[in-house]
Amino acid sequence: MNETFDWPAYIRLMEQLLAMPLDDARRAELEIQLTRIAAMAAPLLAFPLDNRQDVAGVYRL
């Protein structure tokens, strides 16, 4: 599965929600870091679990 995520939009939204304005250089670096973190997490998230293994609950608003 090849999903893409709109990191710039996410970063802009988080800037607003956290009232933490960033300059363009910081936004670009944050996008790089978030992309790296997502790439590192992908294999773990793709790891299949046995039917007997419990997964953490997913809470949605």
Protein backbone atom coordinates (compact mmCIF):
# COMPACT_ATOMS: atom_id res chain seq x y z
CA MET A 1 0.00 0.00 0.00
CA ASN A 2 1.48 3.32 -1.06
CA GLU A 3 -0.25 6.10 0.86
CA THR A 4 0.84 9.69 0.81
CA PHE A 5 0.19 12.13 3.59
CA ASP A 6 -0.06 15.89 3.17
CA TRP A 7 2.58 16.88 5.73
CA PRO A 8 2.57 20.60 4.83
CA ALA A 9 -1.17 20.80 5.49
CA TYR A 10 -0.76 18.89 8.75
CA ILE A 11 2.05 21.19 9.87
CA ARG A 12 -0.02 24.30 9.05
CA LEU A 13 -2.95 22.90 11.01
CA MET A 14 -0.76 22.08 14.02
CA GLU A 15 0.71 25.59 13.89
CA GLN A 16 -2.80 26.98 14.24
CA LEU A 17 -3.97 24.54 16.90
CA LEU A 18 -0.85 24.99 19.02
CA ALA A 19 -0.55 28.73 18.35
CA MET A 20 3.07 28.13 17.41
CA PRO A 21 3.97 29.97 14.20
CA LEU A 22 6.93 28.57 12.26
CA ASP A 23 9.06 30.09 9.54
CA ASP A 24 9.47 28.40 6.15
CA ALA A 25 12.83 26.84 7.05
CA ARG A 26 11.42 25.21 10.20
CA ARG A 27 8.36 23.96 8.32
CA ALA A 28 10.58 22.37 5.68
CA GLU A 29 12.79 20.68 8.30
CA LEU A 30 9.76 19.47 10.25
CA GLU A 31 8.32 17.95 7.08
CA ILE A 32 11.60 16.09 6.48
CA GLN A 33 11.64 14.76 10.03
CA LEU A 34 7.97 13.70 10.02
CA THR A 35 8.48 11.92 6.69
CA ARG A 36 11.47 10.04 8.14
CA ILE A 37 9.54 9.06 11.26
CA ALA A 38 6.63 7.80 9.15
CA ALA A 39 9.02 5.75 7.00
CA MET A 40 10.57 4.17 10.09
CA ALA A 41 7.15 3.35 11.54
CA ALA A 42 5.76 1.82 8.34
CA PRO A 43 7.30 -1.67 8.77
CA LEU A 44 6.09 -1.86 12.36
CA LEU A 45 2.58 -0.79 11.39
CA ALA A 46 2.56 -3.36 8.56
CA PHE A 47 3.59 -6.23 10.89
CA PRO A 48 0.78 -8.79 10.90
CA LEU A 49 -0.68 -9.74 14.27
CA ASP A 50 -2.06 -13.13 15.20
CA ASN A 51 -5.81 -13.29 15.69
CA ARG A 52 -5.14 -14.16 19.34
CA GLN A 53 -3.10 -11.03 19.96
CA ASP A 54 -4.98 -8.03 21.28
CA VAL A 55 -4.31 -4.68 19.67
CA ALA A 56 -4.72 -1.39 21.42
CA GLY A 57 -8.10 0.24 21.09
CA VAL A 58 -8.61 3.04 18.62
CA TYR A 59 -10.36 6.05 20.09
CA ARG A 60 -11.95 8.55 17.76
CA LEU A 61 -13.57 11.89 18.51
